[in-house]
Amino acid sequence: MSMKNIIVGIIIIVAIVLIGYQVSNQSASEDGPIKIGYIGPFTGDAVVYGEPMRNVTELAVTEINAAGVQ
C-alpha cells in the first residue's frame, strides 16, 4: 500500500467515526432536518475514493427521505 492510500483510509475512518458520534448525540426530541455531509477527494488521484463515498451518501439520503424517517 502506498502512503496516499493509508492517509485516505485514515481520513475515511475518522469521518465515519465523527458522523457516528454526531448522530448519536442528536436528541430524539430535536425538530428539524438531520444534516448529513461528506468532505472527500473529488479530483486528482484519490477521486476513486471520493466518488463512491459521495454516491453512498446521496443514496442514504434518498432512501431515508423516501422512508419518511423523522
N, C-alpha and C. Protein backbone atom coordinates (compact mmCIF):
# COMPACT_ATOMS: atom_id res chain seq x y z
N MET A 1 0.84 -1.19 0.00
CA MET A 1 0.00 0.00 0.00
C MET A 1 0.88 1.24 0.00
N SER A 2 0.41 2.21 -0.72
CA SER A 2 1.16 3.45 -0.74
C SER A 2 0.74 4.34 0.43
N MET A 3 1.51 5.34 0.70
CA MET A 3 1.22 6.26 1.79
C MET A 3 -0.08 7.01 1.53
N LYS A 4 -0.38 7.34 0.26
CA LYS A 4 -1.63 8.03 -0.07
C LYS A 4 -2.83 7.18 0.32
N ASN A 5 -2.78 5.90 0.01
CA ASN A 5 -3.89 5.01 0.34
C ASN A 5 -4.11 4.92 1.84
N ILE A 6 -3.04 4.87 2.59
CA ILE A 6 -3.14 4.80 4.04
C ILE A 6 -3.76 6.08 4.59
N ILE A 7 -3.32 7.22 4.10
CA ILE A 7 -3.85 8.50 4.58
C ILE A 7 -5.32 8.64 4.23
N VAL A 8 -5.70 8.29 3.02
CA VAL A 8 -7.11 8.36 2.61
C VAL A 8 -7.95 7.42 3.46
N GLY A 9 -7.45 6.24 3.73
CA GLY A 9 -8.17 5.28 4.57
C GLY A 9 -8.38 5.81 5.97
N ILE A 10 -7.37 6.43 6.54
CA ILE A 10 -7.48 7.01 7.88
C ILE A 10 -8.50 8.15 7.88
N ILE A 11 -8.47 8.98 6.85
CA ILE A 11 -9.43 10.09 6.77
C ILE A 11 -10.85 9.56 6.69
N ILE A 12 -11.07 8.52 5.91
CA ILE A 12 -12.42 7.95 5.79
C ILE A 12 -12.87 7.36 7.12
N ILE A 13 -12.01 6.67 7.81
CA ILE A 13 -12.36 6.10 9.10
C ILE A 13 -12.70 7.19 10.11
N VAL A 14 -11.89 8.24 10.15
CA VAL A 14 -12.15 9.35 11.07
C VAL A 14 -13.49 10.01 10.74
N ALA A 15 -13.77 10.19 9.45
CA ALA A 15 -15.04 10.81 9.05
C ALA A 15 -16.22 9.96 9.49
N ILE A 16 -16.14 8.66 9.33
CA ILE A 16 -17.22 7.77 9.74
C ILE A 16 -17.43 7.82 11.25
N VAL A 17 -16.35 7.82 12.00
CA VAL A 17 -16.45 7.90 13.45
C VAL A 17 -17.08 9.22 13.88
N LEU A 18 -16.66 10.33 13.27
CA LEU A 18 -17.22 11.63 13.63
C LEU A 18 -18.70 11.73 13.27
N ILE A 19 -19.09 11.18 12.14
CA ILE A 19 -20.51 11.18 11.76
C ILE A 19 -21.30 10.35 12.76
N GLY A 20 -20.79 9.21 13.12
CA GLY A 20 -21.48 8.37 14.11
C GLY A 20 -21.60 9.06 15.45
N TYR A 21 -20.58 9.75 15.86
CA TYR A 21 -20.61 10.49 17.12
C TYR A 21 -21.66 11.59 17.07
N GLN A 22 -21.70 12.32 15.96
CA GLN A 22 -22.66 13.41 15.81
C GLN A 22 -24.09 12.88 15.82
N VAL A 23 -24.34 11.79 15.12
CA VAL A 23 -25.68 11.22 15.07
C VAL A 23 -26.09 10.70 16.43
N SER A 24 -25.17 10.11 17.17
CA SER A 24 -25.51 9.57 18.49
C SER A 24 -25.80 10.68 19.50
N ASN A 25 -25.29 11.88 19.27
CA ASN A 25 -25.52 12.98 20.18
C ASN A 25 -26.81 13.74 19.88
N GLN A 26 -27.47 13.45 18.78
CA GLN A 26 -28.71 14.14 18.46
C GLN A 26 -29.82 13.59 19.33
N SER A 27 -30.58 14.48 19.89
CA SER A 27 -31.69 14.09 20.73
C SER A 27 -32.87 13.69 19.86
N ALA A 28 -33.65 12.71 20.32
CA ALA A 28 -34.83 12.27 19.57
C ALA A 28 -35.90 13.35 19.54
N SER A 29 -35.84 14.29 20.46
CA SER A 29 -36.87 15.32 20.52
C SER A 29 -36.53 16.55 19.68
N GLU A 30 -35.36 16.58 19.07
CA GLU A 30 -34.98 17.73 18.25
C GLU A 30 -35.86 17.80 17.02
N ASP A 31 -36.29 19.00 16.68
CA ASP A 31 -37.06 19.21 15.47
C ASP A 31 -36.13 19.69 14.37
N GLY A 32 -36.53 19.49 13.14
CA GLY A 32 -35.74 19.96 12.02
C GLY A 32 -35.03 18.83 11.32
N PRO A 33 -34.39 19.16 10.23
CA PRO A 33 -33.73 18.13 9.42
C PRO A 33 -32.45 17.62 10.07
N ILE A 34 -32.11 16.41 9.72
CA ILE A 34 -30.82 15.85 10.11
C ILE A 34 -29.85 16.19 8.99
N LYS A 35 -28.77 16.83 9.32
CA LYS A 35 -27.82 17.26 8.30
C LYS A 35 -26.75 16.19 8.12
N ILE A 36 -26.54 15.81 6.87
CA ILE A 36 -25.53 14.82 6.52
C ILE A 36 -24.59 15.47 5.52
N GLY A 37 -23.32 15.38 5.76
CA GLY A 37 -22.35 15.96 4.85
C GLY A 37 -21.20 15.02 4.62
N TYR A 38 -20.47 15.30 3.58
CA TYR A 38 -19.29 14.49 3.27
C TYR A 38 -18.23 15.40 2.66
N ILE A 39 -17.05 15.30 3.17
CA ILE A 39 -15.92 16.01 2.59
C ILE A 39 -14.94 14.95 2.13
N GLY A 40 -14.63 14.99 0.86
CA GLY A 40 -13.73 13.98 0.34
C GLY A 40 -13.09 14.42 -0.95
N PRO A 41 -12.19 13.60 -1.45
CA PRO A 41 -11.49 13.94 -2.68
C PRO A 41 -12.37 13.71 -3.91
N PHE A 42 -12.60 14.75 -4.68
CA PHE A 42 -13.41 14.64 -5.89
C PHE A 42 -12.60 14.89 -7.15
N THR A 43 -11.31 15.16 -7.01
CA THR A 43 -10.42 15.34 -8.15
C THR A 43 -9.08 14.69 -7.83
N GLY A 44 -8.27 14.56 -8.83
CA GLY A 44 -6.92 14.05 -8.63
C GLY A 44 -6.88 12.53 -8.52
N ASP A 45 -5.80 12.05 -7.97
CA ASP A 45 -5.57 10.61 -7.87
C ASP A 45 -6.53 9.91 -6.91
N ALA A 46 -7.02 10.61 -5.92
CA ALA A 46 -7.86 9.99 -4.90
C ALA A 46 -9.35 10.03 -5.25
N VAL A 47 -9.69 10.46 -6.48
CA VAL A 47 -11.09 10.54 -6.87
C VAL A 47 -11.76 9.16 -6.81
N VAL A 48 -11.01 8.09 -6.96
CA VAL A 48 -11.59 6.75 -6.89
C VAL A 48 -12.15 6.44 -5.51
N TYR A 49 -11.74 7.19 -4.49
CA TYR A 49 -12.28 7.02 -3.15
C TYR A 49 -13.42 8.01 -2.88
N GLY A 50 -13.33 9.19 -3.42
CA GLY A 50 -14.31 10.23 -3.15
C GLY A 50 -15.64 10.02 -3.83
N GLU A 51 -15.64 9.64 -5.09
CA GLU A 51 -16.88 9.46 -5.84
C GLU A 51 -17.79 8.38 -5.23
N PRO A 52 -17.27 7.19 -4.93
CA PRO A 52 -18.15 6.18 -4.32
C PRO A 52 -18.72 6.62 -2.97
N MET A 53 -17.92 7.30 -2.17
CA MET A 53 -18.41 7.76 -0.87
C MET A 53 -19.53 8.80 -1.05
N ARG A 54 -19.38 9.69 -2.03
CA ARG A 54 -20.43 10.67 -2.30
C ARG A 54 -21.69 9.95 -2.78
N ASN A 55 -21.53 8.97 -3.64
CA ASN A 55 -22.69 8.22 -4.14
C ASN A 55 -23.41 7.49 -3.01
N VAL A 56 -22.66 6.89 -2.10
CA VAL A 56 -23.27 6.19 -0.97
C VAL A 56 -24.01 7.17 -0.07
N THR A 57 -23.43 8.33 0.16
CA THR A 57 -24.08 9.34 0.98
C THR A 57 -25.38 9.81 0.34
N GLU A 58 -25.36 10.08 -0.95
CA GLU A 58 -26.57 10.52 -1.66
C GLU A 58 -27.63 9.42 -1.65
N LEU A 59 -27.22 8.16 -1.79
CA LEU A 59 -28.16 7.05 -1.75
C LEU A 59 -28.82 6.94 -0.38
N ALA A 60 -28.03 7.09 0.67
CA ALA A 60 -28.58 7.03 2.03
C ALA A 60 -29.60 8.13 2.25
N VAL A 61 -29.29 9.33 1.81
CA VAL A 61 -30.21 10.46 1.97
C VAL A 61 -31.50 10.18 1.21
N THR A 62 -31.41 9.69 -0.01
CA THR A 62 -32.59 9.38 -0.81
C THR A 62 -33.45 8.31 -0.14
N GLU A 63 -32.82 7.26 0.35
CA GLU A 63 -33.57 6.17 0.99
C GLU A 63 -34.24 6.63 2.29
N ILE A 64 -33.53 7.42 3.09
CA ILE A 64 -34.10 7.92 4.34
C ILE A 64 -35.28 8.85 4.06
N ASN A 65 -35.12 9.74 3.09
CA ASN A 65 -36.22 10.65 2.73
C ASN A 65 -37.40 9.90 2.18
N ALA A 66 -37.18 8.86 1.39
CA ALA A 66 -38.28 8.08 0.81
C ALA A 66 -39.04 7.31 1.90
N ALA A 67 -38.32 6.89 2.93
CA ALA A 67 -38.95 6.15 4.03
C ALA A 67 -39.72 7.07 4.96
N GLY A 68 -39.46 8.36 4.88
CA GLY A 68 -40.16 9.31 5.74
C GLY A 68 -39.69 9.27 7.18
N VAL A 69 -38.47 8.83 7.42
CA VAL A 69 -37.93 8.78 8.77
C VAL A 69 -37.72 10.19 9.29
N GLN A 70 -38.17 10.43 10.49
CA GLN A 70 -38.02 11.76 11.08
C GLN A 70 -36.95 11.76 12.11
